Amino acid sequence: MRTVAFIPARKGSKGLPGKNKKLFLGKPLIQWTIETAAATKIFDHIIVSSDDKDVLQIAKDCKKLKVVPVERHPELATDTADMDDVLYDFFVRPENKCKYICLLPPTAPLRSAEDIKEMYKFIQLDKYWTVVSVKWSDFIGWVEKPTNHGPLPTYNINQRPNRQTRNDFFLENGSIYWFKHDIMVPYGHMISNPSKTKLYEMPAERSLEIDTPFDFYLCEKAYEFISMAKADKKLQQSIQKPHGNLGSVGKKHKGKPS
């Protein structure tokens, strides 16, 4: 195998119970990710890892799309289970060896096949071990109680930045992670070296994650916006234009929204 998509879809969700099989615009949420992965036409197999029999049945029903349902061990399906452990447990096995792995959480249904394919171009370069999808942010925030001296700001409080002078930040949007099998298995992590990591920026409307009923509502409205933009050139340009210019980690340049 050369390329494998891995869709993790455990049963337990406290924020939105049963979310992976909940109907999103007429289809089970996980089916959106399966169909988007299949539309890229670059995966040898699309693995659906779950402890939910209903989700595994949805995967079985998509067998024509190269989908392989895999029942996950209960110990790797808890609230505290680490995704790196889930990935390692599957890909360390000789029969699952491949070259490139793409992690596609089903909670991000608005990613496009083009996003996945563009990131695939980068992971094939020797200089990158991992490619991570992100969204742009100029947030101004605090870390609560990192020490005994109270919360810690992420900016200089003596020179409080306004919106035009804030630094660019790129936040993981939980949508797409590409990484190499021969790096992930020895290290045990999908992200092992920041200097070998490429950030791929996605627009806000395709970067939404579903963890709560409100998130679900927002994603449905964002889908309506994206569909509307396809018929409106000005809206389409606003979706396609990135806010920041990304290189590898540590080589970003300022970019402000218009």
Protein backbone atom coordinates (compact mmCIF):
# COMPACT_ATOMS: atom_id res chain seq x y z
CA MET A 1 0.00 0.00 0.00
CA ARG A 2 1.15 3.53 -0.75
CA THR A 3 -1.51 5.84 0.75
CA VAL A 4 -4.05 5.13 3.49
CA ALA A 5 -6.78 7.34 4.92
CA PHE A 6 -7.52 6.71 8.60
CA ILE A 7 -10.88 7.86 9.99
CA PRO A 8 -11.15 7.53 13.81
CA ALA A 9 -14.76 7.35 14.99
CA ARG A 10 -15.17 6.09 18.52
CA LYS A 11 -18.60 5.68 20.05
CA GLY A 12 -18.28 7.78 23.19
CA SER A 13 -18.96 11.51 22.90
CA LYS A 14 -20.13 13.54 25.86
CA GLY A 15 -20.58 16.83 24.00
CA LEU A 16 -22.79 15.35 21.27
CA PRO A 17 -23.66 11.68 21.85
CA GLY A 18 -23.67 9.56 18.69
CA LYS A 19 -22.32 12.44 16.62
CA ASN A 20 -20.42 10.29 14.10
CA LYS A 21 -23.65 8.64 12.94
CA LYS A 22 -25.90 11.65 13.46
CA LEU A 23 -27.47 12.86 10.21
CA PHE A 24 -25.72 15.93 8.82
CA LEU A 25 -27.69 17.39 5.90
CA GLY A 26 -29.27 14.03 5.17
CA LYS A 27 -26.24 11.73 5.57
CA PRO A 28 -24.45 10.24 8.61
CA LEU A 29 -21.68 12.61 9.65
CA ILE A 30 -18.93 10.04 9.07
CA GLN A 31 -20.15 9.39 5.53
CA TRP A 32 -19.15 12.93 4.52
CA THR A 33 -15.52 12.19 5.40
CA ILE A 34 -15.60 8.78 3.71
CA GLU A 35 -16.97 10.24 0.47
CA THR A 36 -14.55 13.18 0.48
CA ALA A 37 -11.60 10.81 0.95
CA ALA A 38 -12.86 8.58 -1.86
CA ALA A 39 -13.31 11.59 -4.16
CA THR A 40 -9.57 12.31 -4.04
CA LYS A 41 -8.86 8.99 -5.79
CA ILE A 42 -5.45 8.81 -4.08
CA PHE A 43 -6.08 6.27 -1.31
CA ASP A 44 -5.47 2.54 -1.60
CA HIS A 45 -7.66 1.99 1.46
CA ILE A 46 -9.89 4.12 3.68
CA ILE A 47 -9.78 2.72 7.22
CA VAL A 48 -12.67 3.42 9.60
CA SER A 49 -11.63 2.66 13.18
CA SER A 50 -14.53 2.45 15.63
CA ASP A 51 -16.06 0.66 18.60
CA ASP A 52 -19.55 1.60 17.38
CA LYS A 53 -21.35 -1.19 15.51
CA ASP A 54 -23.56 1.31 13.67
CA VAL A 55 -20.55 3.26 12.41
CA LEU A 56 -18.82 0.05 11.33
CA GLN A 57 -21.97 -0.90 9.41
CA ILE A 58 -21.97 2.46 7.63
CA ALA A 59 -18.35 1.75 6.67
CA LYS A 60 -19.29 -1.72 5.39
CA ASP A 61 -22.01 -0.18 3.25
CA CYS A 62 -19.32 1.98 1.60
CA LYS A 63 -17.10 -0.97 0.62
CA LYS A 64 -17.21 0.06 -3.05
CA LEU A 65 -15.24 3.16 -2.00
CA LYS A 66 -12.31 1.04 -0.74
CA VAL A 67 -13.49 1.42 2.86
CA VAL A 68 -12.22 -1.09 5.43
CA PRO A 69 -14.04 -1.12 8.81
CA VAL A 70 -11.78 -1.99 11.76
CA GLU A 71 -13.15 -2.66 15.23
CA ARG A 72 -11.17 -0.72 17.81
CA HIS A 73 -10.06 -2.22 21.11
CA PRO A 74 -12.06 -0.80 24.07
CA GLU A 75 -8.88 0.45 25.76
CA LEU A 76 -8.25 2.68 22.75
CA ALA A 77 -11.81 4.03 22.64
CA THR A 78 -11.97 5.87 25.96
CA ASP A 79 -12.14 9.61 26.61
CA THR A 80 -8.47 9.60 27.59
CA ALA A 81 -7.17 7.43 24.73
CA ASP A 82 -4.37 9.12 22.81
CA MET A 83 -4.76 9.36 19.02
CA ASP A 84 -1.06 8.59 18.58
CA ASP A 85 -1.65 5.29 20.42
CA VAL A 86 -4.64 4.48 18.20
CA LEU A 87 -2.58 5.12 15.07
CA TYR A 88 0.45 3.21 16.34
CA ASP A 89 -1.65 0.18 17.31
CA PHE A 90 -2.90 -0.11 13.74
CA PHE A 91 0.11 0.89 11.66
CA VAL A 92 2.80 -0.94 13.64
CA ARG A 93 1.42 -4.20 12.28
CA PRO A 94 3.39 -5.43 9.23
CA GLU A 95 0.25 -6.05 7.19
CA ASN A 96 -0.71 -2.36 7.54
CA LYS A 97 2.59 -0.90 6.37
CA CYS A 98 2.26 1.89 3.81
CA LYS A 99 4.13 5.00 2.75
CA TYR A 100 1.78 7.89 3.52
CA ILE A 101 -1.02 8.15 6.10
CA CYS A 102 -3.80 10.74 6.16
CA LEU A 103 -5.74 11.17 9.41
CA LEU A 104 -9.25 12.51 8.72
CA PRO A 105 -11.38 13.05 11.85
CA PRO A 106 -15.08 12.76 10.92
CA THR A 107 -15.92 15.83 13.00
CA ALA A 108 -14.67 18.11 10.19
CA PRO A 109 -17.15 17.46 7.36
CA LEU A 110 -16.52 20.64 5.36
CA ARG A 111 -12.97 19.90 4.21
CA SER A 112 -12.68 19.44 0.46
CA ALA A 113 -11.05 16.75 -1.64
CA GLU A 114 -8.86 19.51 -3.04
CA ASP A 115 -7.56 20.32 0.46
CA ILE A 116 -6.51 16.70 0.93
CA LYS A 117 -4.87 16.50 -2.50
CA GLU A 118 -2.96 19.77 -2.09
CA MET A 119 -1.54 18.57 1.24
CA TYR A 120 -0.62 15.24 -0.35
CA LYS A 121 1.74 17.11 -2.69
CA PHE A 122 3.69 18.41 0.30
CA ILE A 123 4.00 15.14 2.22
CA GLN A 124 5.67 13.57 -0.80
CA LEU A 125 8.59 16.01 -0.43
CA ASP A 126 11.58 14.71 1.53
CA LYS A 127 11.79 17.84 3.69
CA TYR A 128 8.40 17.27 5.33
CA TRP A 129 7.51 14.54 7.80
CA THR A 130 4.07 15.94 8.59
CA VAL A 131 1.56 18.28 6.94
CA VAL A 132 -1.08 19.80 9.22
CA SER A 133 -4.21 21.74 8.26
CA VAL A 134 -4.64 24.99 10.18
CA LYS A 135 -6.79 28.12 10.30
CA TRP A 136 -5.54 31.68 10.64
CA SER A 137 -6.13 33.65 13.83
CA ASP A 138 -5.03 36.97 15.30
CA PHE A 139 -6.22 35.95 18.75
CA ILE A 140 -5.21 37.76 21.90
CA GLY A 141 -5.41 35.34 24.78
CA TRP A 142 -4.43 34.08 28.18
CA VAL A 143 -3.31 30.78 29.68
CA GLU A 144 -5.11 30.19 32.97
CA LYS A 145 -2.86 29.65 35.99
CA PRO A 146 0.28 28.22 34.36
CA THR A 147 2.14 29.22 37.56
CA ASN A 148 1.28 30.24 41.11
CA HIS A 149 1.36 33.89 39.99
CA GLY A 150 -1.92 33.84 38.09
CA PRO A 151 -2.90 33.70 34.40
CA LEU A 152 -0.32 34.35 31.69
CA PRO A 153 -1.09 36.61 28.69
CA THR A 154 0.11 35.69 25.21
CA TYR A 155 1.08 39.33 24.55
CA ASN A 156 3.03 42.15 26.17
CA ILE A 157 0.51 43.84 28.49
CA ASN A 158 2.59 47.05 28.40
CA GLN A 159 2.19 47.23 24.63
CA ARG A 160 -1.27 45.85 24.05
CA PRO A 161 -1.63 45.20 20.29
CA ASN A 162 -4.64 46.33 18.33
CA ARG A 163 -6.18 44.22 15.58
CA GLN A 164 -3.88 45.64 12.91
CA THR A 165 -0.66 44.96 14.84
CA ARG A 166 -1.35 41.53 16.32
CA ASN A 167 0.83 38.61 15.30
CA ASP A 168 -0.47 35.90 13.03
CA PHE A 169 -1.29 32.61 14.71
CA PHE A 170 -2.20 29.37 12.99
CA LEU A 171 -4.42 27.02 14.96
CA GLU A 172 -4.85 23.34 14.15
CA ASN A 173 -8.37 22.94 12.78
CA GLY A 174 -8.58 19.17 13.40
CA SER A 175 -9.36 18.43 9.77
CA ILE A 176 -6.40 16.86 7.93
CA TYR A 177 -3.07 15.39 9.07
CA TRP A 178 -0.66 13.80 6.59
CA PHE A 179 2.42 11.96 7.87
CA LYS A 180 4.89 9.30 6.83
CA HIS A 181 4.64 5.73 8.07
CA ASP A 182 8.41 5.26 8.41
CA ILE A 183 8.56 8.33 10.70
CA MET A 184 5.40 7.82 12.74
CA VAL A 185 6.01 4.20 13.74
CA PRO A 186 9.59 4.60 15.07
CA TYR A 187 8.75 7.83 16.92
CA GLY A 188 5.24 6.85 17.97
CA HIS A 189 3.83 10.28 17.05
CA MET A 190 2.24 11.70 13.93
CA ILE A 191 3.95 15.06 14.63
CA SER A 192 7.56 14.41 15.62
CA ASN A 193 9.58 17.43 14.54
CA PRO A 194 8.23 21.01 14.11
CA SER A 195 11.07 21.88 11.71
CA LYS A 196 9.88 19.06 9.45
CA THR A 197 6.24 20.17 9.58
CA LYS A 198 4.33 22.00 6.86
CA LEU A 199 1.26 24.05 7.77
CA TYR A 200 -1.58 24.17 5.25
CA GLU A 201 -4.04 27.01 5.76
CA MET A 202 -7.76 26.44 5.25
CA PRO A 203 -10.45 29.15 5.36
CA ALA A 204 -12.56 29.55 8.48
CA GLU A 205 -15.73 28.24 6.85
CA ARG A 206 -14.06 24.90 6.00
CA SER A 207 -12.26 24.69 9.35
CA LEU A 208 -15.23 24.06 11.62
CA GLU A 209 -15.21 21.06 13.98
CA ILE A 210 -18.28 19.42 15.45
CA ASP A 211 -18.14 18.69 19.18
CA THR A 212 -21.41 20.21 20.41
CA PRO A 213 -24.97 20.77 19.12
CA PHE A 214 -24.04 24.41 18.46
CA ASP A 215 -21.07 23.32 16.34
CA PHE A 216 -23.44 21.09 14.38
CA TYR A 217 -25.72 24.06 13.70
CA LEU A 218 -22.79 26.24 12.64
CA CYS A 219 -21.51 23.61 10.21
CA GLU A 220 -24.90 23.33 8.56
CA LYS A 221 -25.01 27.11 8.07
CA ALA A 222 -21.40 27.15 6.84
CA TYR A 223 -22.28 24.50 4.26
CA GLU A 224 -25.10 26.77 3.02
CA PHE A 225 -22.63 29.66 2.77
CA ILE A 226 -20.08 27.59 0.85
CA SER A 227 -22.78 26.36 -1.55
CA MET A 228 -24.01 29.92 -2.07
CA ALA A 229 -20.48 31.15 -2.71
CA LYS A 230 -20.07 28.76 -5.63
CA ALA A 231 -22.49 30.95 -7.54
CA ASP A 232 -21.03 34.24 -6.30
CA LYS A 233 -17.53 35.12 -7.56
CA LYS A 234 -16.87 37.73 -4.86
CA LEU A 235 -17.73 35.30 -2.07
CA GLN A 236 -15.70 32.56 -3.77
CA GLN A 237 -12.63 34.80 -3.87
CA SER A 238 -12.98 35.55 -0.18
CA ILE A 239 -13.00 31.81 0.58
CA GLN A 240 -9.99 31.01 -1.56
CA LYS A 241 -7.80 33.92 -0.42
CA PRO A 242 -5.63 32.97 2.58
CA HIS A 243 -4.96 35.44 5.37
CA GLY A 244 -1.34 34.42 5.93
CA ASN A 245 1.51 33.13 3.78
CA LEU A 246 2.76 29.86 5.20
CA GLY A 247 6.11 28.16 4.85
CA SER A 248 7.41 25.50 7.21
CA VAL A 249 7.05 26.09 10.93
CA GLY A 250 9.16 29.07 11.98
CA LYS A 251 9.03 30.64 8.51
CA LYS A 252 5.71 32.44 8.44
CA HIS A 253 5.12 35.94 7.18
CA LYS A 254 2.61 38.47 8.30
CA GLY A 255 -0.60 38.65 6.40
CA LYS A 256 -3.59 40.76 7.39
CA PRO A 257 -7.19 40.28 6.32
CA SER A 258 -8.55 42.79 3.88
